């Protein structure tokens, strides 16, 4: 069955390791017949949530007009949400974290989502797998709260320079995750 997949990337570095992982996942998902949209948070301007609780009251997801209002319609259409991001200081980069935080607007605005499945693709420069703990815990809490089925979690250590990930099996694994949706 064809699914509408939204891949939100977190790195501001085009062609970086998490971006390559996202592209491999997208290739796999498209080969399986899914419709995929890639949205690069690192290229956007999203302010943090101001907790004004006026979500959707002005006809937009966020009353403060920033690039999240371009993302919100894509989130509404998605059946699968994929977060593809590097680790920054043991967590999500600010760009993607702001987008994740503003997803609160759907909860606050009592807007149901079609998303039923999710995937987390992440990488880090360090070789210690514990650097992924904070990110994975946050991801698990989000998907549990929203009752999304986890369709995959891929954490790749020891990649820093753009393209380091090419020397690993990660792109193959990301492609396989996409094709197995």
C-alpha atoms as a PDB file:
ATOM      1  CA  UNK A   1       0.000   0.000   0.000  1.00  0.00           C
ATOM      2  CA  UNK A   2       1.386   3.390  -1.029  1.00  0.00           C
ATOM      3  CA  UNK A   3       2.089   5.728   1.892  1.00  0.00           C
ATOM      4  CA  UNK A   4       2.675   9.462   2.122  1.00  0.00           C
ATOM      5  CA  UNK A   5       6.079   9.837   3.795  1.00  0.00           C
ATOM      6  CA  UNK A   6       7.505  13.079   5.180  1.00  0.00           C
ATOM      7  CA  UNK A   7      11.251  13.187   5.819  1.00  0.00           C
ATOM      8  CA  UNK A   8      12.353  16.130   7.963  1.00  0.00           C
ATOM      9  CA  UNK A   9      16.105  16.644   7.984  1.00  0.00           C
ATOM     10  CA  UNK A  10      17.900  18.421  10.790  1.00  0.00           C
ATOM     11  CA  UNK A  11      21.318  19.339   9.473  1.00  0.00           C
ATOM     12  CA  UNK A  12      22.164  22.717   8.017  1.00  0.00           C
ATOM     13  CA  UNK A  13      24.951  20.975   6.029  1.00  0.00           C
ATOM     14  CA  UNK A  14      23.716  19.974   2.558  1.00  0.00           C
ATOM     15  CA  UNK A  15      25.275  16.700   1.494  1.00  0.00           C
ATOM     16  CA  UNK A  16      26.301  15.891   5.047  1.00  0.00           C
ATOM     17  CA  UNK A  17      26.053  12.460   6.607  1.00  0.00           C
ATOM     18  CA  UNK A  18      22.477  12.675   7.893  1.00  0.00           C
ATOM     19  CA  UNK A  19      21.407  14.257   4.580  1.00  0.00           C
ATOM     20  CA  UNK A  20      22.931  11.321   2.680  1.00  0.00           C
ATOM     21  CA  UNK A  21      21.154   8.928   5.047  1.00  0.00           C
ATOM     22  CA  UNK A  22      17.842  10.724   4.397  1.00  0.00           C
ATOM     23  CA  UNK A  23      18.403  10.491   0.637  1.00  0.00           C
ATOM     24  CA  UNK A  24      19.152   6.759   0.852  1.00  0.00           C
ATOM     25  CA  UNK A  25      15.973   6.221   2.891  1.00  0.00           C
ATOM     26  CA  UNK A  26      13.990   8.262   0.337  1.00  0.00           C
ATOM     27  CA  UNK A  27      15.435   6.200  -2.522  1.00  0.00           C
ATOM     28  CA  UNK A  28      14.314   3.008  -0.788  1.00  0.00           C
ATOM     29  CA  UNK A  29      10.841   4.355   0.013  1.00  0.00           C
ATOM     30  CA  UNK A  30      10.299   5.587  -3.552  1.00  0.00           C
ATOM     31  CA  UNK A  31      11.442   2.226  -4.938  1.00  0.00           C
ATOM     32  CA  UNK A  32       8.664   0.661  -2.848  1.00  0.00           C
ATOM     33  CA  UNK A  33       6.118   3.008  -4.444  1.00  0.00           C
ATOM     34  CA  UNK A  34       5.671   5.494  -1.617  1.00  0.00           C
ATOM     35  CA  UNK A  35       5.194   9.227  -2.089  1.00  0.00           C
ATOM     36  CA  UNK A  36       8.025  11.034  -0.301  1.00  0.00           C
ATOM     37  CA  UNK A  37       8.536  14.690   0.578  1.00  0.00           C
ATOM     38  CA  UNK A  38      11.850  15.910   1.985  1.00  0.00           C
ATOM     39  CA  UNK A  39      11.783  19.059   4.125  1.00  0.00           C
ATOM     40  CA  UNK A  40      15.118  20.499   5.203  1.00  0.00           C
ATOM     41  CA  UNK A  41      14.736  22.314   8.521  1.00  0.00           C
ATOM     42  CA  UNK A  42      18.345  23.505   8.359  1.00  0.00           C
ATOM     43  CA  UNK A  43      17.405  25.759   5.440  1.00  0.00           C
ATOM     44  CA  UNK A  44      14.360  27.232   7.179  1.00  0.00           C
ATOM     45  CA  UNK A  45      13.634  29.839   9.809  1.00  0.00           C
ATOM     46  CA  UNK A  46      11.542  28.443  12.638  1.00  0.00           C
ATOM     47  CA  UNK A  47      11.305  30.235  15.947  1.00  0.00           C
ATOM     48  CA  UNK A  48      10.773  28.354  19.157  1.00  0.00           C
ATOM     49  CA  UNK A  49       7.249  27.804  20.428  1.00  0.00           C
ATOM     50  CA  UNK A  50       6.071  30.763  22.510  1.00  0.00           C
ATOM     51  CA  UNK A  51       3.428  28.756  24.389  1.00  0.00           C
ATOM     52  CA  UNK A  52       0.765  31.303  23.411  1.00  0.00           C
ATOM     53  CA  UNK A  53      -1.716  28.443  22.896  1.00  0.00           C
ATOM     54  CA  UNK A  54      -3.384  30.183  19.941  1.00  0.00           C
ATOM     55  CA  UNK A  55      -2.474  27.357  17.547  1.00  0.00           C
ATOM     56  CA  UNK A  56      -4.693  27.228  14.437  1.00  0.00           C
ATOM     57  CA  UNK A  57      -6.779  30.163  15.735  1.00  0.00           C
ATOM     58  CA  UNK A  58      -5.655  32.354  12.822  1.00  0.00           C
ATOM     59  CA  UNK A  59      -6.091  29.697  10.137  1.00  0.00           C
ATOM     60  CA  UNK A  60      -2.420  28.651  10.360  1.00  0.00           C
ATOM     61  CA  UNK A  61      -0.739  26.145  12.619  1.00  0.00           C
ATOM     62  CA  UNK A  62       1.298  28.853  14.365  1.00  0.00           C
ATOM     63  CA  UNK A  63       0.002  32.350  15.006  1.00  0.00           C
ATOM     64  CA  UNK A  64       3.560  33.641  14.586  1.00  0.00           C
ATOM     65  CA  UNK A  65       4.339  33.374  10.907  1.00  0.00           C
ATOM     66  CA  UNK A  66       7.554  31.490  10.248  1.00  0.00           C
ATOM     67  CA  UNK A  67       8.515  28.524   8.071  1.00  0.00           C
ATOM     68  CA  UNK A  68       6.700  26.055  10.330  1.00  0.00           C
ATOM     69  CA  UNK A  69       3.505  27.173   8.623  1.00  0.00           C
ATOM     70  CA  UNK A  70       4.939  25.742   5.373  1.00  0.00           C
ATOM     71  CA  UNK A  71       5.714  22.466   7.133  1.00  0.00           C
ATOM     72  CA  UNK A  72       2.354  22.072   8.890  1.00  0.00           C
ATOM     73  CA  UNK A  73       0.353  21.108   5.753  1.00  0.00           C
ATOM     74  CA  UNK A  74       2.983  18.473   4.936  1.00  0.00           C
ATOM     75  CA  UNK A  75       2.656  17.060   8.455  1.00  0.00           C
ATOM     76  CA  UNK A  76      -1.132  16.947   8.051  1.00  0.00           C
ATOM     77  CA  UNK A  77      -0.817  14.876   4.840  1.00  0.00           C
ATOM     78  CA  UNK A  78       1.864  12.498   6.123  1.00  0.00           C
ATOM     79  CA  UNK A  79       1.212   8.929   7.183  1.00  0.00           C
ATOM     80  CA  UNK A  80       4.849   8.269   8.057  1.00  0.00           C
ATOM     81  CA  UNK A  81       7.215  10.775   9.679  1.00  0.00           C
ATOM     82  CA  UNK A  82      10.972  10.337   9.361  1.00  0.00           C
ATOM     83  CA  UNK A  83      13.446  12.425  11.339  1.00  0.00           C
ATOM     84  CA  UNK A  84      16.932  12.376   9.799  1.00  0.00           C
ATOM     85  CA  UNK A  85      19.397  14.396  11.808  1.00  0.00           C
ATOM     86  CA  UNK A  86      22.854  14.574  13.298  1.00  0.00           C
ATOM     87  CA  UNK A  87      23.391  14.733  17.034  1.00  0.00           C
ATOM     88  CA  UNK A  88      24.265  18.224  18.289  1.00  0.00           C
ATOM     89  CA  UNK A  89      25.397  18.302  21.910  1.00  0.00           C
ATOM     90  CA  UNK A  90      23.677  14.996  22.705  1.00  0.00           C
ATOM     91  CA  UNK A  91      20.316  16.079  21.268  1.00  0.00           C
ATOM     92  CA  UNK A  92      18.519  17.454  18.225  1.00  0.00           C
ATOM     93  CA  UNK A  93      19.893  20.479  16.333  1.00  0.00           C
ATOM     94  CA  UNK A  94      17.938  23.674  17.051  1.00  0.00           C
ATOM     95  CA  UNK A  95      16.445  23.800  13.558  1.00  0.00           C
ATOM     96  CA  UNK A  96      14.680  20.442  13.733  1.00  0.00           C
ATOM     97  CA  UNK A  97      13.953  20.770  17.461  1.00  0.00           C
ATOM     98  CA  UNK A  98      11.964  23.954  16.795  1.00  0.00           C
ATOM     99  CA  UNK A  99       9.921  22.089  14.167  1.00  0.00           C
ATOM    100  CA  UNK A 100       9.319  19.180  16.544  1.00  0.00           C
ATOM    101  CA  UNK A 101       8.307  21.556  19.345  1.00  0.00           C
ATOM    102  CA  UNK A 102       5.831  23.343  17.090  1.00  0.00           C
ATOM    103  CA  UNK A 103       4.132  20.049  16.273  1.00  0.00           C
ATOM    104  CA  UNK A 104       2.468  20.781  19.610  1.00  0.00           C
ATOM    105  CA  UNK A 105       0.169  23.040  17.579  1.00  0.00           C
ATOM    106  CA  UNK A 106      -1.692  19.974  16.289  1.00  0.00           C
ATOM    107  CA  UNK A 107      -2.284  18.733  19.815  1.00  0.00           C
ATOM    108  CA  UNK A 108      -3.244  22.183  21.107  1.00  0.00           C
ATOM    109  CA  UNK A 109      -5.417  22.912  18.076  1.00  0.00           C
ATOM    110  CA  UNK A 110      -7.128  19.516  18.434  1.00  0.00           C
ATOM    111  CA  UNK A 111      -6.078  18.532  14.914  1.00  0.00           C
ATOM    112  CA  UNK A 112      -5.719  14.822  14.363  1.00  0.00           C
ATOM    113  CA  UNK A 113      -2.812  13.557  12.328  1.00  0.00           C
ATOM    114  CA  UNK A 114      -2.697  10.731   9.795  1.00  0.00           C
ATOM    115  CA  UNK A 115       0.794   9.771  10.969  1.00  0.00           C
ATOM    116  CA  UNK A 116       0.804   6.217  12.270  1.00  0.00           C
ATOM    117  CA  UNK A 117       4.456   5.286  11.787  1.00  0.00           C
ATOM    118  CA  UNK A 118       7.820   6.932  12.353  1.00  0.00           C
ATOM    119  CA  UNK A 119      11.536   6.416  11.783  1.00  0.00           C
ATOM    120  CA  UNK A 120      14.606   8.023  13.363  1.00  0.00           C
ATOM    121  CA  UNK A 121      17.841   8.216  11.354  1.00  0.00           C
ATOM    122  CA  UNK A 122      20.737   9.816  13.198  1.00  0.00           C
ATOM    123  CA  UNK A 123      24.497  10.066  13.183  1.00  0.00           C
ATOM    124  CA  UNK A 124      27.238  11.519  15.345  1.00  0.00           C
ATOM    125  CA  UNK A 125      30.935  12.228  15.247  1.00  0.00           C
ATOM    126  CA  UNK A 126      31.638  10.340  18.483  1.00  0.00           C
ATOM    127  CA  UNK A 127      32.022   6.577  18.592  1.00  0.00           C
ATOM    128  CA  UNK A 128      30.240   6.170  21.940  1.00  0.00           C
ATOM    129  CA  UNK A 129      26.679   4.953  21.289  1.00  0.00           C
ATOM    130  CA  UNK A 130      25.463   6.632  24.486  1.00  0.00           C
ATOM    131  CA  UNK A 131      25.580  10.009  22.667  1.00  0.00           C
ATOM    132  CA  UNK A 132      22.316   8.937  20.999  1.00  0.00           C
ATOM    133  CA  UNK A 133      20.473   8.237  24.269  1.00  0.00           C
ATOM    134  CA  UNK A 134      18.853  11.663  24.710  1.00  0.00           C
ATOM    135  CA  UNK A 135      17.679  11.832  21.120  1.00  0.00           C
ATOM    136  CA  UNK A 136      16.302   8.291  21.135  1.00  0.00           C
ATOM    137  CA  UNK A 137      14.528   8.795  24.467  1.00  0.00           C
ATOM    138  CA  UNK A 138      12.853  11.961  23.163  1.00  0.00           C
ATOM    139  CA  UNK A 139      11.853  10.169  19.954  1.00  0.00           C
ATOM    140  CA  UNK A 140      10.435   7.221  21.916  1.00  0.00           C
ATOM    141  CA  UNK A 141       8.399   9.515  24.174  1.00  0.00           C
ATOM    142  CA  UNK A 142       6.973  11.422  21.193  1.00  0.00           C
ATOM    143  CA  UNK A 143       5.982   8.323  19.259  1.00  0.00           C
ATOM    144  CA  UNK A 144       4.560   6.647  22.372  1.00  0.00           C
ATOM    145  CA  UNK A 145       2.517   9.734  23.288  1.00  0.00           C
ATOM    146  CA  UNK A 146       1.180  10.051  19.726  1.00  0.00           C
ATOM    147  CA  UNK A 147       0.781   6.265  19.370  1.00  0.00           C
ATOM    148  CA  UNK A 148       3.048   5.945  16.336  1.00  0.00           C
ATOM    149  CA  UNK A 149       4.580   2.613  15.445  1.00  0.00           C
ATOM    150  CA  UNK A 150       8.365   2.724  15.297  1.00  0.00           C
ATOM    151  CA  UNK A 151       9.383   1.487  11.843  1.00  0.00           C
ATOM    152  CA  UNK A 152      13.078   1.890  12.410  1.00  0.00           C
ATOM    153  CA  UNK A 153      15.874   3.469  14.348  1.00  0.00           C
ATOM    154  CA  UNK A 154      19.310   3.809  12.799  1.00  0.00           C
ATOM    155  CA  UNK A 155      22.140   5.422  14.772  1.00  0.00           C
ATOM    156  CA  UNK A 156      25.520   5.773  13.100  1.00  0.00           C
ATOM    157  CA  UNK A 157      28.556   6.698  15.226  1.00  0.00           C
ATOM    158  CA  UNK A 158      31.992   7.904  14.134  1.00  0.00           C
ATOM    159  CA  UNK A 159      31.003  10.059  11.157  1.00  0.00           C
ATOM    160  CA  UNK A 160      31.975  13.706  11.111  1.00  0.00           C
ATOM    161  CA  UNK A 161      33.304  15.001   7.799  1.00  0.00           C
ATOM    162  CA  UNK A 162      30.722  15.220   5.031  1.00  0.00           C
ATOM    163  CA  UNK A 163      30.675  11.849   3.297  1.00  0.00           C
ATOM    164  CA  UNK A 164      32.207   9.791   6.124  1.00  0.00           C
ATOM    165  CA  UNK A 165      28.986   7.773   6.184  1.00  0.00           C
ATOM    166  CA  UNK A 166      29.708   6.440   2.679  1.00  0.00           C
ATOM    167  CA  UNK A 167      32.377   4.175   4.190  1.00  0.00           C
ATOM    168  CA  UNK A 168      29.830   2.477   6.457  1.00  0.00           C
ATOM    169  CA  UNK A 169      26.845   0.172   5.906  1.00  0.00           C
ATOM    170  CA  UNK A 170      24.458   2.921   7.042  1.00  0.00           C
ATOM    171  CA  UNK A 171      23.267   4.051   3.601  1.00  0.00           C
ATOM    172  CA  UNK A 172      22.420   0.464   2.694  1.00  0.00           C
ATOM    173  CA  UNK A 173      20.526   0.103   5.989  1.00  0.00           C
ATOM    174  CA  UNK A 174      18.683   3.408   5.505  1.00  0.00           C
ATOM    175  CA  UNK A 175      17.696   2.398   1.952  1.00  0.00           C
ATOM    176  CA  UNK A 176      16.416  -0.936   3.281  1.00  0.00           C
ATOM    177  CA  UNK A 177      14.355   0.808   5.994  1.00  0.00           C
ATOM    178  CA  UNK A 178      12.742   2.945   3.291  1.00  0.00           C
ATOM    179  CA  UNK A 179      11.965  -0.001   1.031  1.00  0.00           C
ATOM    180  CA  UNK A 180      10.484  -1.999   3.931  1.00  0.00           C
ATOM    181  CA  UNK A 181       7.836   0.578   4.885  1.00  0.00           C
END
